[in-house]
Amino acid sequence: MSFEVLSVAEMGRADSLAVEAGVASLTLMENAGRAVADFVWQRYLPPFVLVLCGPGNNGGDGFVAARYLRERGCDVRVALLGEAAALKGDAAAMMKRWNGAIEPLNTELIKRKAIVVDALFGAGLSRPLDGVARDVVQMMNKTKFPIVSVDMPSGISGDTGRTLDKDGVHIRPRYTISFFRKKPGHLLMPGRAACGEVKIVDIGIPKAVLKSIAPSTFANTSDLWRKEFPWPKIDGHKYGRGHAVVVSGPAHATGAARLAARSALRVGAGLVSVASPADAVAINAAHLTAIMVKPFDEADGLTALLSDKRLNAVVIGPGLGVSGETRELVSAVLAGTCATVLDADALTAFRDDPDALFARI
């Protein structure tokens, strides 16, 4: 599994680099549409497929999928948003290869149950759905027919995962078929839920293009960190796998810190301690066994505690509360040299002045 995540612009760059490397853009579109057809055929063996094509390259993928599904014996109906004469480049070429009937997109399309391929708009959509496209999307969602979206569900931003319509209108597929690498919109809510199950397929873009793109966003999968994971060794020592510290909240809000501490221990930290304010020491100590409790008093006390260089990773924020004291504790942690995870209240405490937090990182 690949863990690189590409923005819409970076994916466009990947396409361009593939073409520069000798892969024809028509070949990329052909492979993309065939992959959609393969999935629909293998998953549903559909007698009837309705393909909704948009005016751009996403629509071109739809025309390819329609052609391959028809060749396999499916009854395929194609509807196009806009005028056929308006299609340009590869999408226009694939429309000609379809060589079948093309109906105007409208809300009267459904005459019998269909598998729907949503090839209206891809990840690059930057405006809300409107007009007939919006009406058709709402109608399709009401039918509950199985929908397979191409690249991204129409109406969802590929870069943010946000619904572009103020009323949250977007198509709701069971599956989304996308290409080469995931985009942020596949992973960020609400896009993550809107996509259904995401399938990433190879369409012939060389992996080598990633070196030129140098992506800076990655999905948190085991492929990303497995090689660097500090697996226990037979001759190892607990300090060889680090000493993690989780900063606890006050007595009435200690549970979140303990959950984080138990997680750190479970995933392989050599030692784990909960740094506890004085009023929470008793309750933390009563609940913990393999995890140590280290008392501290205010920001200066936390600074002194973390001066022990064996304590090399800190989690701060869970259950800490949103206050000036929290900001001081976060500042104390960031002033040190520990690897740091900021979570929950450690972030919320700076919501009115994020630059103050960024300046400390």
Protein backbone atom coordinates (compact mmCIF):
# COMPACT_ATOMS: atom_id res chain seq x y z
CA MET A 1 0.00 0.00 0.00
CA SER A 2 1.26 3.49 -0.88
CA PHE A 3 1.14 6.19 1.76
CA GLU A 4 1.84 9.36 -0.23
CA VAL A 5 -1.12 11.75 -0.44
CA LEU A 6 -1.23 14.14 -3.41
CA SER A 7 -3.09 17.42 -3.67
CA VAL A 8 -5.14 18.07 -6.79
CA ALA A 9 -2.30 20.18 -8.21
CA GLU A 10 0.27 17.50 -7.37
CA MET A 11 -1.87 14.86 -9.08
CA GLY A 12 -2.01 17.08 -12.16
CA ARG A 13 1.76 17.29 -12.00
CA ALA A 14 1.96 13.49 -11.78
CA ASP A 15 -0.11 13.22 -14.97
CA SER A 16 2.14 15.73 -16.74
CA LEU A 17 5.30 13.96 -15.65
CA ALA A 18 3.90 10.64 -16.84
CA VAL A 19 3.24 12.17 -20.25
CA GLU A 20 6.78 13.60 -20.32
CA ALA A 21 8.04 10.10 -19.54
CA GLY A 22 6.28 8.75 -22.62
CA VAL A 23 2.86 7.65 -21.36
CA ALA A 24 0.20 9.14 -23.62
CA SER A 25 -2.49 11.11 -21.79
CA LEU A 26 -5.12 9.16 -23.72
CA THR A 27 -3.57 5.96 -22.36
CA LEU A 28 -3.92 7.27 -18.81
CA MET A 29 -7.59 8.08 -19.40
CA GLU A 30 -8.17 4.74 -21.11
CA ASN A 31 -6.63 2.91 -18.16
CA ALA A 32 -8.65 4.94 -15.66
CA GLY A 33 -11.97 4.30 -17.37
CA ARG A 34 -11.19 0.61 -17.86
CA ALA A 35 -10.36 0.29 -14.15
CA VAL A 36 -13.76 1.76 -13.28
CA ALA A 37 -15.48 -0.64 -15.69
CA ASP A 38 -13.51 -3.59 -14.29
CA PHE A 39 -14.58 -2.74 -10.76
CA VAL A 40 -18.25 -2.26 -11.64
CA TRP A 41 -18.29 -5.50 -13.62
CA GLN A 42 -16.54 -7.58 -10.96
CA ARG A 43 -18.49 -6.10 -8.06
CA TYR A 44 -21.99 -6.03 -9.53
CA LEU A 45 -22.21 -7.98 -12.84
CA PRO A 46 -24.74 -5.29 -13.76
CA PRO A 47 -27.44 -5.78 -16.39
CA PHE A 48 -27.96 -2.00 -16.61
CA VAL A 49 -25.50 0.82 -15.97
CA LEU A 50 -26.19 4.54 -16.03
CA VAL A 51 -23.05 6.61 -16.58
CA LEU A 52 -23.24 10.30 -15.70
CA CYS A 53 -20.53 12.23 -17.56
CA GLY A 54 -19.37 15.74 -16.82
CA PRO A 55 -17.77 18.28 -19.15
CA GLY A 56 -14.14 17.59 -18.19
CA ASN A 57 -11.67 14.73 -17.95
CA ASN A 58 -13.79 13.03 -15.30
CA GLY A 59 -16.46 12.73 -17.96
CA GLY A 60 -13.85 11.30 -20.33
CA ASP A 61 -13.17 8.53 -17.81
CA GLY A 62 -16.92 7.91 -17.76
CA PHE A 63 -17.11 7.47 -21.53
CA VAL A 64 -14.29 4.92 -21.39
CA ALA A 65 -16.00 3.00 -18.60
CA ALA A 66 -19.25 3.00 -20.56
CA ARG A 67 -17.52 1.59 -23.65
CA TYR A 68 -15.88 -1.28 -21.77
CA LEU A 69 -19.07 -2.16 -19.93
CA ARG A 70 -21.02 -2.24 -23.19
CA GLU A 71 -18.38 -4.51 -24.74
CA ARG A 72 -18.99 -6.94 -21.86
CA GLY A 73 -22.68 -7.11 -22.63
CA CYS A 74 -24.10 -4.54 -20.22
CA ASP A 75 -26.97 -2.32 -21.17
CA VAL A 76 -25.33 1.08 -20.82
CA ARG A 77 -26.97 4.49 -20.87
CA VAL A 78 -24.81 7.63 -20.98
CA ALA A 79 -25.95 11.10 -19.92
CA LEU A 80 -23.81 14.20 -20.45
CA LEU A 81 -23.85 17.48 -18.55
CA GLY A 82 -23.68 20.25 -21.13
CA GLU A 83 -23.19 20.16 -24.88
CA ALA A 84 -21.12 17.45 -26.56
CA ALA A 85 -19.48 20.08 -28.75
CA ALA A 86 -18.09 21.76 -25.63
CA LEU A 87 -15.90 18.78 -24.68
CA LYS A 88 -12.20 19.31 -25.38
CA GLY A 89 -9.00 17.29 -25.63
CA ASP A 90 -8.92 13.75 -24.31
CA ALA A 91 -12.50 13.85 -23.05
CA ALA A 92 -13.75 14.73 -26.54
CA ALA A 93 -11.66 11.92 -28.02
CA MET A 94 -13.13 9.38 -25.61
CA MET A 95 -16.64 10.61 -26.31
CA LYS A 96 -16.06 9.83 -30.02
CA ARG A 97 -14.75 6.36 -29.15
CA TRP A 98 -17.97 5.69 -27.23
CA ASN A 99 -19.88 5.82 -30.52
CA GLY A 100 -23.23 5.40 -28.82
CA ALA A 101 -26.24 7.42 -27.80
CA ILE A 102 -25.62 10.36 -25.49
CA GLU A 103 -28.56 11.86 -23.61
CA PRO A 104 -28.67 15.24 -21.90
CA LEU A 105 -28.32 15.03 -18.15
CA ASN A 106 -31.76 15.38 -16.59
CA THR A 107 -33.85 14.23 -13.67
CA GLU A 108 -35.92 11.83 -15.79
CA LEU A 109 -33.05 9.39 -16.35
CA ILE A 110 -34.12 6.60 -14.03
CA LYS A 111 -36.60 4.22 -15.63
CA ARG A 112 -35.39 1.04 -13.95
CA LYS A 113 -32.89 0.05 -11.30
CA ALA A 114 -29.34 0.84 -12.33
CA ILE A 115 -25.77 0.77 -11.20
CA VAL A 116 -24.74 4.44 -11.44
CA VAL A 117 -21.26 5.62 -12.40
CA ASP A 118 -20.71 9.18 -11.18
CA ALA A 119 -18.24 10.76 -13.61
CA LEU A 120 -19.67 14.26 -13.35
CA PHE A 121 -16.92 16.09 -11.48
CA GLY A 122 -13.62 14.93 -10.06
CA ALA A 123 -11.33 16.14 -7.31
CA GLY A 124 -10.65 19.49 -8.93
CA LEU A 125 -14.19 20.84 -8.53
CA SER A 126 -13.98 24.23 -6.82
CA ARG A 127 -17.59 25.45 -6.90
CA PRO A 128 -20.89 24.17 -5.56
CA LEU A 129 -23.07 21.94 -7.68
CA ASP A 130 -25.82 23.90 -9.35
CA GLY A 131 -28.59 23.61 -11.89
CA VAL A 132 -29.39 20.24 -13.37
CA ALA A 133 -26.24 18.64 -11.91
CA ARG A 134 -27.38 19.50 -8.39
CA ASP A 135 -30.90 18.25 -9.11
CA VAL A 136 -29.66 14.96 -10.56
CA VAL A 137 -27.28 14.36 -7.65
CA GLN A 138 -30.10 14.85 -5.16
CA MET A 139 -32.33 12.53 -7.17
CA MET A 140 -29.65 9.83 -7.37
CA ASN A 141 -29.12 9.95 -3.63
CA LYS A 142 -32.84 9.38 -3.08
CA THR A 143 -32.93 6.28 -5.30
CA LYS A 144 -30.50 4.36 -3.06
CA PHE A 145 -29.10 2.75 -6.21
CA PRO A 146 -25.46 1.58 -5.91
CA ILE A 147 -23.23 4.46 -7.02
CA VAL A 148 -19.55 4.27 -7.97
CA SER A 149 -17.81 7.65 -8.15
CA VAL A 150 -14.82 8.34 -10.35
CA ASP A 151 -11.94 10.08 -8.53
CA MET A 152 -14.10 11.92 -5.96
CA PRO A 153 -17.84 12.03 -5.27
CA SER A 154 -19.25 14.94 -7.25
CA GLY A 155 -19.60 17.91 -4.93
CA ILE A 156 -16.62 17.11 -2.65
CA SER A 157 -13.33 19.01 -2.78
CA GLY A 158 -10.34 16.78 -3.46
CA ASP A 159 -8.03 19.06 -1.48
CA THR A 160 -10.12 19.58 1.67
CA GLY A 161 -12.78 16.87 1.77
CA ARG A 162 -15.34 19.61 2.31
CA THR A 163 -18.74 19.75 0.71
CA LEU A 164 -18.71 22.69 -1.67
CA ASP A 165 -22.46 23.28 -1.41
CA LYS A 166 -23.68 25.30 1.59
CA ASP A 167 -26.44 22.74 2.09
CA GLY A 168 -24.04 19.82 1.93
CA VAL A 169 -25.26 18.50 -1.43
CA HIS A 170 -22.96 15.88 -2.93
CA ILE A 171 -23.39 12.46 -4.46
CA ARG A 172 -23.21 9.56 -1.99
CA PRO A 173 -21.43 6.58 -3.53
CA ARG A 174 -20.80 3.16 -2.05
CA TYR A 175 -17.37 3.16 -3.69
CA THR A 176 -14.95 5.72 -5.05
CA ILE A 177 -12.37 4.65 -7.63
CA SER A 178 -9.37 6.94 -7.79
CA PHE A 179 -5.97 6.77 -9.39
CA PHE A 180 -2.28 6.47 -8.46
CA ARG A 181 -2.47 7.98 -4.96
CA LYS A 182 -5.11 9.22 -2.53
CA LYS A 183 -5.91 12.90 -2.20
CA PRO A 184 -6.59 14.79 1.04
CA GLY A 185 -10.32 14.74 0.32
CA HIS A 186 -10.32 10.95 0.52
CA LEU A 187 -9.02 11.12 4.09
CA LEU A 188 -10.41 14.32 5.63
CA MET A 189 -13.96 14.50 6.94
CA PRO A 190 -16.58 14.82 5.64
CA GLY A 191 -15.01 13.56 2.42
CA ARG A 192 -13.73 10.44 4.10
CA ALA A 193 -17.27 9.36 4.94
CA ALA A 194 -18.74 10.72 1.69
CA CYS A 195 -16.47 8.58 -0.51
CA GLY A 196 -17.69 5.23 0.76
CA GLU A 197 -14.94 2.67 0.29
CA VAL A 198 -11.99 4.10 -1.67
CA LYS A 199 -10.13 1.97 -4.20
CA ILE A 200 -6.86 3.31 -5.62
CA VAL A 201 -5.85 1.81 -8.96
CA ASP A 202 -2.72 1.94 -11.10
CA ILE A 203 -3.24 3.64 -14.45
CA GLY A 204 0.35 3.64 -15.67
CA ILE A 205 1.84 6.67 -13.90
CA PRO A 206 5.45 5.76 -13.04
CA LYS A 207 6.19 5.77 -9.33
CA ALA A 208 9.35 7.73 -10.16
CA VAL A 209 7.30 10.92 -10.62
CA LEU A 210 6.98 11.13 -6.83
CA LYS A 211 10.65 12.07 -6.61
CA SER A 212 10.01 15.23 -8.65
CA ILE A 213 6.76 16.04 -6.84
CA ALA A 214 8.27 15.49 -3.37
CA PRO A 215 4.89 15.15 -1.59
CA SER A 216 4.77 16.39 1.98
CA THR A 217 1.51 14.75 3.07
CA PHE A 218 1.22 11.08 3.98
CA ALA A 219 -1.47 8.70 5.15
CA ASN A 220 -0.72 7.18 8.54
CA THR A 221 -0.37 3.55 7.53
CA SER A 222 2.13 0.98 8.74
CA ASP A 223 3.94 1.29 5.39
CA LEU A 224 4.97 4.78 6.44
CA TRP A 225 6.70 3.85 9.70
CA ARG A 226 7.15 0.08 9.85
CA LYS A 227 10.84 0.15 8.86
CA GLU A 228 11.59 2.72 11.56
CA PHE A 229 9.58 1.07 14.31
CA PRO A 230 11.80 0.23 17.35
CA TRP A 231 10.97 -3.46 17.57
CA PRO A 232 12.08 -4.99 20.90
CA LYS A 233 15.37 -6.89 20.69
CA ILE A 234 16.46 -9.85 22.75
CA ASP A 235 19.44 -7.87 24.11
CA GLY A 236 17.59 -4.58 24.30
CA HIS A 237 17.01 -2.28 27.28
CA LYS A 238 13.81 -0.41 28.09
CA TYR A 239 15.48 2.97 27.60
CA GLY A 240 16.40 1.90 24.09
CA ARG A 241 12.71 2.24 23.20
CA GLY A 242 12.21 5.61 24.84
CA HIS A 243 10.48 7.04 27.87
CA ALA A 244 7.15 8.67 27.04
CA VAL A 245 5.50 11.22 29.33
CA VAL A 246 1.80 12.11 29.20
CA VAL A 247 0.81 15.30 30.99
CA SER A 248 -2.33 14.78 33.06
CA GLY A 249 -5.16 17.20 33.66
CA PRO A 250 -6.53 18.09 37.12
CA ALA A 251 -8.13 15.53 39.45
CA HIS A 252 -11.54 15.65 37.78
CA ALA A 253 -10.12 15.11 34.25
CA THR A 254 -7.41 12.45 34.38
CA GLY A 255 -8.88 9.65 32.29
CA ALA A 256 -7.80 10.93 28.87
CA ALA A 257 -4.15 11.15 29.93
CA ARG A 258 -4.22 7.61 31.30
CA LEU A 259 -5.72 6.28 28.06
CA ALA A 260 -2.94 7.97 26.09
CA ALA A 261 -0.32 6.57 28.48
CA ARG A 262 -1.66 3.02 28.15
CA SER A 263 -1.59 3.40 24.37
CA ALA A 264 2.04 4.53 24.46
CA LEU A 265 2.96 1.49 26.55
CA ARG A 266 1.00 -0.85 24.31
CA VAL A 267 2.64 0.31 21.08
CA GLY A 268 6.13 -0.22 22.43
CA ALA A 269 7.50 2.65 24.50
CA GLY A 270 10.11 1.28 26.89
CA LEU A 271 8.77 3.27 29.83
CA VAL A 272 5.74 5.50 30.26
CA SER A 273 5.02 8.06 32.96
CA VAL A 274 2.05 10.28 33.68
CA ALA A 275 3.17 13.76 34.75
CA SER A 276 0.52 14.62 37.31
CA PRO A 277 -0.47 17.83 39.10
CA ALA A 278 -0.39 17.39 42.86
CA ASP A 279 -4.18 17.22 43.23
CA ALA A 280 -4.37 14.34 40.72
CA VAL A 281 -1.51 12.16 41.96
CA ALA A 282 -3.70 9.96 44.17
CA ILE A 283 -6.30 9.21 41.51
CA ASN A 284 -3.69 8.56 38.81
CA ALA A 285 -1.66 6.31 41.13
CA ALA A 286 -4.78 4.34 42.08
CA HIS A 287 -5.50 3.50 38.44
CA LEU A 288 -1.99 2.80 37.11
CA THR A 289 0.43 -0.08 37.62
CA ALA A 290 2.97 -0.52 34.80
CA ILE A 291 2.83 3.23 34.19
CA MET A 292 4.64 5.51 36.62
CA VAL A 293 3.27 8.72 38.13
CA LYS A 294 5.54 11.75 38.36
CA PRO A 295 4.21 14.76 40.32
CA PHE A 296 4.87 18.31 39.13
CA ASP A 297 3.72 21.78 40.11
CA GLU A 298 2.84 24.28 37.38
CA ALA A 299 4.95 25.11 34.30
CA ASP A 300 8.23 25.48 36.18
CA GLY A 301 7.73 22.08 37.77
CA LEU A 302 7.05 20.49 34.37
CA THR A 303 10.20 22.11 32.97
CA ALA A 304 12.23 20.66 35.83
CA LEU A 305 10.70 17.21 35.34
CA LEU A 306 11.49 17.19 31.61
CA SER A 307 15.09 18.24 32.22
CA ASP A 308 15.79 14.52 32.66
CA LYS A 309 17.07 13.70 29.17
CA ARG A 310 15.86 10.11 29.44
CA LEU A 311 12.33 11.48 29.09
CA ASN A 312 12.34 11.93 25.35
CA ALA A 313 8.70 12.08 24.21
CA VAL A 314 5.76 14.06 25.57
CA VAL A 315 2.03 14.01 24.94
CA ILE A 316 0.24 17.09 26.21
CA GLY A 317 -3.38 18.15 25.89
CA PRO A 318 -5.83 15.34 26.74
CA GLY A 319 -8.05 16.51 29.59
CA LEU A 320 -5.80 19.46 30.35
CA GLY A 321 -8.47 22.16 30.14
CA VAL A 322 -8.58 25.35 28.08
CA SER A 323 -6.85 28.03 30.10
CA GLY A 324 -3.84 30.26 30.45
CA GLU A 325 -2.23 27.56 32.58
CA THR A 326 -2.52 25.10 29.70
CA ARG A 327 -0.79 27.58 27.39
CA GLU A 328 2.04 27.90 29.91
CA LEU A 329 2.41 24.12 30.17
CA VAL A 330 2.49 23.77 26.39
CA SER A 331 5.11 26.50 26.19
CA ALA A 332 7.22 24.69 28.79
CA VAL A 333 7.11 21.46 26.79
CA LEU A 334 7.91 23.15 23.47
CA ALA A 335 10.86 24.98 25.04
CA GLY A 336 12.51 21.62 25.66
CA THR A 337 13.99 19.00 23.33
CA CYS A 338 11.44 16.19 23.63
CA ALA A 339 9.54 14.83 20.67
CA THR A 340 6.10 16.31 21.29
CA VAL A 341 2.51 15.47 20.43
CA LEU A 342 0.06 18.33 20.89
CA ASP A 343 -3.52 17.13 21.20
CA ALA A 344 -6.96 18.27 22.30
CA ASP A 345 -6.80 21.17 24.78
CA ALA A 346 -3.15 21.90 23.94
CA LEU A 347 -4.45 23.08 20.57
CA THR A 348 -7.79 24.51 21.65
CA ALA A 349 -6.12 26.72 24.26
CA PHE A 350 -4.51 28.65 21.40
CA ARG A 351 -7.58 28.87 19.16
CA ASP A 352 -7.82 32.65 19.57
CA ASP A 353 -4.11 33.21 18.96
CA PRO A 354 -2.73 30.37 16.79
CA ASP A 355 0.33 32.41 15.84
CA ALA A 356 1.43 32.30 19.47
CA LEU A 357 1.45 28.51 19.26
CA PHE A 358 3.20 28.42 15.89
CA ALA A 359 5.90 30.73 17.23
CA ARG A 360 6.67 28.22 19.98
CA ILE A 361 6.96 25.22 17.66
